[in-house]
């Protein structure tokens, strides 16, 4: 399987943002080059032949917010940003509780 390599930041720079992380995921796993991920591409990426218990499909559907059965750049960017924001809030809350 020929996969394009995601960009790697040099050490010491700022951490990647949500859009950069999402772009790296799409670049690595978008095997048909349509700038989106299908369920089949995700199954191949995680080296699974089928999704019998539909757990991967369930996660896929939660990311596919526009319901077009493809995960485009905006969808994982939003999910990653929400996760990053929650982490920042938790860190700030813990820091204020100890300070």
Protein backbone atom coordinates (compact mmCIF):
# COMPACT_ATOMS: atom_id res chain seq x y z
CA UNK A 1 0.00 0.00 0.00
CA UNK A 2 1.51 3.31 -1.08
CA UNK A 3 0.82 6.04 1.46
CA UNK A 4 1.97 9.60 1.30
CA UNK A 5 3.99 10.62 4.31
CA UNK A 6 2.49 13.31 6.54
CA UNK A 7 4.51 16.43 7.23
CA UNK A 8 6.65 16.24 10.34
CA UNK A 9 7.42 19.36 12.35
CA UNK A 10 10.99 19.97 13.49
CA UNK A 11 11.52 19.66 17.24
CA UNK A 12 11.16 22.80 19.32
CA UNK A 13 8.40 24.37 17.23
CA UNK A 14 4.82 24.96 18.26
CA UNK A 15 2.57 21.91 18.48
CA UNK A 16 0.46 21.12 15.43
CA UNK A 17 -3.03 22.51 15.28
CA UNK A 18 -6.23 20.59 14.67
CA UNK A 19 -6.27 21.33 10.93
CA UNK A 20 -2.70 20.12 10.50
CA UNK A 21 -3.41 16.91 12.42
CA UNK A 22 -6.56 16.26 10.39
CA UNK A 23 -4.73 16.96 7.14
CA UNK A 24 -2.01 14.47 8.09
CA UNK A 25 -4.63 11.80 8.76
CA UNK A 26 -6.37 12.41 5.44
CA UNK A 27 -3.08 12.48 3.54
CA UNK A 28 -1.97 9.19 5.07
CA UNK A 29 -5.20 7.23 4.60
CA UNK A 30 -6.99 8.72 1.57
CA UNK A 31 -6.04 5.96 -0.86
CA UNK A 32 -8.24 7.11 -3.76
CA UNK A 33 -7.13 10.75 -3.60
CA UNK A 34 -10.61 12.27 -3.32
CA UNK A 35 -9.74 14.39 -0.25
CA UNK A 36 -12.05 12.37 1.97
CA UNK A 37 -12.15 9.09 3.86
CA UNK A 38 -14.65 6.31 3.28
CA UNK A 39 -15.43 3.50 5.71
CA UNK A 40 -13.45 1.14 3.45
CA UNK A 41 -10.37 3.38 3.59
CA UNK A 42 -10.58 3.47 7.38
CA UNK A 43 -10.94 -0.32 7.56
CA UNK A 44 -7.82 -0.66 5.39
CA UNK A 45 -5.98 1.90 7.54
CA UNK A 46 -6.62 -0.08 10.72
CA UNK A 47 -5.95 -3.37 8.91
CA UNK A 48 -9.43 -4.83 9.46
CA UNK A 49 -11.30 -6.84 6.82
CA UNK A 50 -14.79 -6.21 8.15
CA UNK A 51 -16.66 -4.24 10.78
CA UNK A 52 -18.96 -7.01 12.02
CA UNK A 53 -19.82 -5.26 15.29
CA UNK A 54 -20.17 -1.91 13.46
CA UNK A 55 -17.99 -0.12 16.01
CA UNK A 56 -15.85 1.50 13.32
CA UNK A 57 -18.95 2.50 11.39
CA UNK A 58 -20.38 4.06 14.55
CA UNK A 59 -17.28 6.21 15.05
CA UNK A 60 -17.28 7.03 11.33
CA UNK A 61 -20.88 8.26 11.53
CA UNK A 62 -20.11 10.41 14.57
CA UNK A 63 -17.35 12.14 12.56
CA UNK A 64 -19.38 12.41 9.33
CA UNK A 65 -21.37 15.42 10.51
CA UNK A 66 -22.72 16.36 7.08
CA UNK A 67 -23.95 12.82 6.38
CA UNK A 68 -22.32 12.48 2.95
CA UNK A 69 -20.71 9.12 3.88
CA UNK A 70 -17.21 10.61 3.51
CA UNK A 71 -15.07 12.27 6.14
CA UNK A 72 -13.72 15.52 4.72
CA UNK A 73 -11.02 17.75 6.22
CA UNK A 74 -13.44 19.96 8.18
CA UNK A 75 -14.98 17.04 10.08
CA UNK A 76 -11.90 15.61 11.83
CA UNK A 77 -10.54 19.14 12.24
CA UNK A 78 -13.63 20.04 14.27
CA UNK A 79 -13.46 16.83 16.34
CA UNK A 80 -9.75 17.25 17.05
CA UNK A 81 -10.23 20.92 17.99
CA UNK A 82 -13.04 20.02 20.40
CA UNK A 83 -10.78 17.42 22.03
CA UNK A 84 -7.89 19.90 22.26
CA UNK A 85 -10.17 22.55 23.76
CA UNK A 86 -11.45 20.08 26.37
CA UNK A 87 -7.85 19.23 27.28
CA UNK A 88 -6.94 22.90 27.61
CA UNK A 89 -9.97 23.52 29.84
CA UNK A 90 -9.10 20.55 32.05
CA UNK A 91 -5.50 21.71 32.33
CA UNK A 92 -6.56 25.26 33.19
CA UNK A 93 -9.04 23.97 35.75
CA UNK A 94 -6.43 21.80 37.42
CA UNK A 95 -3.89 24.62 37.38
CA UNK A 96 -6.33 27.09 38.98
CA UNK A 97 -7.31 24.55 41.64
CA UNK A 98 -3.69 24.09 42.72
CA UNK A 99 -2.69 27.75 42.45
